[in-house]
Amino acid sequence: MSLQHISQTLPKLPPAPMPTSLHELASHFESVEALENEDAVVWAKSLRFTPEGLLEVPDRGRFAFNPWSRSQLALTLGVKFDRVQIQHGRELIAALERFAA
């Protein structure tokens, strides 16, 4: 077995049928949401950032940011994420520590 990039696999999948009723649409949303990570309620001071800029959540693991989550975190902490990425997370770590204090 060899690994393939997802862009080679996804085009081979058949298109998903479009929901034809409100009930089918709600079921579709429920099935998509079931694939997402559960919410985690943790103290801000227990969160850690890795030098690679990943968020480490206790008992959950490490997570990368997408553009939306990056903007939400930057807004909450009052930092500019572009500068943070250049500095390998040092500014983000300091901002989180100030926020958690």
C-alpha atoms as a PDB file:
ATOM      1  CA  MET A   1       0.000   0.000   0.000  1.00  0.00           C
ATOM      2  CA  SER A   2       1.302   3.458  -0.837  1.00  0.00           C
ATOM      3  CA  LEU A   3       0.209   6.813   0.517  1.00  0.00           C
ATOM      4  CA  GLN A   4      -1.537   9.276  -1.777  1.00  0.00           C
ATOM      5  CA  HIS A   5      -2.104  12.982  -1.463  1.00  0.00           C
ATOM      6  CA  ILE A   6      -5.725  13.777  -0.599  1.00  0.00           C
ATOM      7  CA  SER A   7      -6.107  15.744  -3.850  1.00  0.00           C
ATOM      8  CA  GLN A   8      -5.711  12.452  -5.714  1.00  0.00           C
ATOM      9  CA  THR A   9      -8.266  10.660  -3.551  1.00  0.00           C
ATOM     10  CA  LEU A  10     -11.066  13.199  -3.257  1.00  0.00           C
ATOM     11  CA  PRO A  11     -11.849  13.485  -6.990  1.00  0.00           C
ATOM     12  CA  LYS A  12     -12.497   9.720  -6.994  1.00  0.00           C
ATOM     13  CA  LEU A  13     -15.260  10.007  -4.394  1.00  0.00           C
ATOM     14  CA  PRO A  14     -18.822  10.080  -5.697  1.00  0.00           C
ATOM     15  CA  PRO A  15     -20.634  13.381  -5.132  1.00  0.00           C
ATOM     16  CA  ALA A  16     -22.795  13.468  -2.013  1.00  0.00           C
ATOM     17  CA  PRO A  17     -26.527  13.616  -2.710  1.00  0.00           C
ATOM     18  CA  MET A  18     -28.116  17.002  -2.046  1.00  0.00           C
ATOM     19  CA  PRO A  19     -30.622  17.075   0.826  1.00  0.00           C
ATOM     20  CA  THR A  20     -34.175  17.317  -0.450  1.00  0.00           C
ATOM     21  CA  SER A  21     -35.874  18.159   2.850  1.00  0.00           C
ATOM     22  CA  LEU A  22     -35.209  20.137   6.005  1.00  0.00           C
ATOM     23  CA  HIS A  23     -34.931  16.862   7.938  1.00  0.00           C
ATOM     24  CA  GLU A  24     -32.252  15.549   5.530  1.00  0.00           C
ATOM     25  CA  LEU A  25     -30.373  18.861   5.777  1.00  0.00           C
ATOM     26  CA  ALA A  26     -30.418  18.712   9.592  1.00  0.00           C
ATOM     27  CA  SER A  27     -29.209  15.094   9.469  1.00  0.00           C
ATOM     28  CA  HIS A  28     -26.407  16.123   7.117  1.00  0.00           C
ATOM     29  CA  PHE A  29     -25.276  18.879   9.497  1.00  0.00           C
ATOM     30  CA  GLU A  30     -25.370  16.467  12.433  1.00  0.00           C
ATOM     31  CA  SER A  31     -23.209  13.943  10.596  1.00  0.00           C
ATOM     32  CA  VAL A  32     -20.660  16.621   9.643  1.00  0.00           C
ATOM     33  CA  GLU A  33     -20.554  18.010  13.190  1.00  0.00           C
ATOM     34  CA  ALA A  34     -20.000  14.506  14.573  1.00  0.00           C
ATOM     35  CA  LEU A  35     -16.650  14.461  12.758  1.00  0.00           C
ATOM     36  CA  GLU A  36     -15.455  17.614  14.559  1.00  0.00           C
ATOM     37  CA  ASN A  37     -13.557  17.708  17.840  1.00  0.00           C
ATOM     38  CA  GLU A  38     -15.629  18.080  20.976  1.00  0.00           C
ATOM     39  CA  ASP A  39     -15.424  21.396  22.806  1.00  0.00           C
ATOM     40  CA  ALA A  40     -12.858  21.515  25.578  1.00  0.00           C
ATOM     41  CA  VAL A  41     -13.249  23.767  28.601  1.00  0.00           C
ATOM     42  CA  VAL A  42      -9.814  24.415  30.074  1.00  0.00           C
ATOM     43  CA  TRP A  43      -8.064  27.163  31.968  1.00  0.00           C
ATOM     44  CA  ALA A  44      -6.239  29.520  29.624  1.00  0.00           C
ATOM     45  CA  LYS A  45      -3.085  29.106  31.721  1.00  0.00           C
ATOM     46  CA  SER A  46      -3.062  25.374  30.910  1.00  0.00           C
ATOM     47  CA  LEU A  47      -2.779  26.016  27.137  1.00  0.00           C
ATOM     48  CA  ARG A  48       0.656  25.875  25.566  1.00  0.00           C
ATOM     49  CA  PHE A  49       2.043  26.849  22.191  1.00  0.00           C
ATOM     50  CA  THR A  50       4.740  24.823  20.536  1.00  0.00           C
ATOM     51  CA  PRO A  51       7.680  26.484  18.769  1.00  0.00           C
ATOM     52  CA  GLU A  52       5.939  25.478  15.514  1.00  0.00           C
ATOM     53  CA  GLY A  53       2.912  27.585  16.481  1.00  0.00           C
ATOM     54  CA  LEU A  54       0.587  24.681  17.326  1.00  0.00           C
ATOM     55  CA  LEU A  55      -1.822  24.971  20.237  1.00  0.00           C
ATOM     56  CA  GLU A  56      -1.390  22.212  22.815  1.00  0.00           C
ATOM     57  CA  VAL A  57      -4.588  21.462  24.742  1.00  0.00           C
ATOM     58  CA  PRO A  58      -4.349  19.254  27.853  1.00  0.00           C
ATOM     59  CA  ASP A  59      -5.642  15.715  27.244  1.00  0.00           C
ATOM     60  CA  ARG A  60      -6.499  16.608  23.615  1.00  0.00           C
ATOM     61  CA  GLY A  61      -3.200  17.028  21.803  1.00  0.00           C
ATOM     62  CA  ARG A  62      -1.766  19.631  19.449  1.00  0.00           C
ATOM     63  CA  PHE A  63      -3.820  21.589  16.937  1.00  0.00           C
ATOM     64  CA  ALA A  64      -2.990  23.812  13.990  1.00  0.00           C
ATOM     65  CA  PHE A  65      -4.909  26.973  13.179  1.00  0.00           C
ATOM     66  CA  ASN A  66      -6.998  27.694  10.114  1.00  0.00           C
ATOM     67  CA  PRO A  67      -7.466  31.311   8.964  1.00  0.00           C
ATOM     68  CA  TRP A  68     -10.681  31.760  10.961  1.00  0.00           C
ATOM     69  CA  SER A  69      -9.357  30.335  14.238  1.00  0.00           C
ATOM     70  CA  ARG A  70      -6.106  32.290  13.801  1.00  0.00           C
ATOM     71  CA  SER A  71      -8.033  35.562  13.448  1.00  0.00           C
ATOM     72  CA  GLN A  72     -10.241  34.742  16.461  1.00  0.00           C
ATOM     73  CA  LEU A  73      -7.223  34.008  18.647  1.00  0.00           C
ATOM     74  CA  ALA A  74      -5.376  37.110  17.482  1.00  0.00           C
ATOM     75  CA  LEU A  75      -8.436  39.247  18.242  1.00  0.00           C
ATOM     76  CA  THR A  76      -8.872  37.690  21.699  1.00  0.00           C
ATOM     77  CA  LEU A  77      -5.208  38.029  22.655  1.00  0.00           C
ATOM     78  CA  GLY A  78      -4.630  41.354  20.911  1.00  0.00           C
ATOM     79  CA  VAL A  79      -1.716  40.197  18.751  1.00  0.00           C
ATOM     80  CA  LYS A  80      -0.981  40.290  15.039  1.00  0.00           C
ATOM     81  CA  PHE A  81      -0.662  36.687  13.961  1.00  0.00           C
ATOM     82  CA  ASP A  82       1.636  37.401  11.012  1.00  0.00           C
ATOM     83  CA  ARG A  83       4.269  38.792  13.353  1.00  0.00           C
ATOM     84  CA  VAL A  84       3.751  35.814  15.645  1.00  0.00           C
ATOM     85  CA  GLN A  85       4.436  33.321  12.874  1.00  0.00           C
ATOM     86  CA  ILE A  86       7.685  35.071  11.980  1.00  0.00           C
ATOM     87  CA  GLN A  87       8.820  34.868  15.613  1.00  0.00           C
ATOM     88  CA  HIS A  88       7.947  31.150  15.879  1.00  0.00           C
ATOM     89  CA  GLY A  89       5.253  31.638  18.476  1.00  0.00           C
ATOM     90  CA  ARG A  90       7.240  33.549  21.121  1.00  0.00           C
ATOM     91  CA  GLU A  91       4.936  36.591  20.967  1.00  0.00           C
ATOM     92  CA  LEU A  92       1.867  34.355  20.960  1.00  0.00           C
ATOM     93  CA  ILE A  93       3.122  32.497  24.029  1.00  0.00           C
ATOM     94  CA  ALA A  94       3.730  35.791  25.843  1.00  0.00           C
ATOM     95  CA  ALA A  95       0.275  37.082  24.874  1.00  0.00           C
ATOM     96  CA  LEU A  96      -1.398  33.903  26.121  1.00  0.00           C
ATOM     97  CA  GLU A  97       0.489  34.167  29.409  1.00  0.00           C
ATOM     98  CA  ARG A  98      -0.668  37.789  29.826  1.00  0.00           C
ATOM     99  CA  PHE A  99      -4.245  36.743  28.988  1.00  0.00           C
ATOM    100  CA  ALA A 100      -4.206  33.843  31.466  1.00  0.00           C
ATOM    101  CA  ALA A 101      -2.711  35.880  34.328  1.00  0.00           C
END
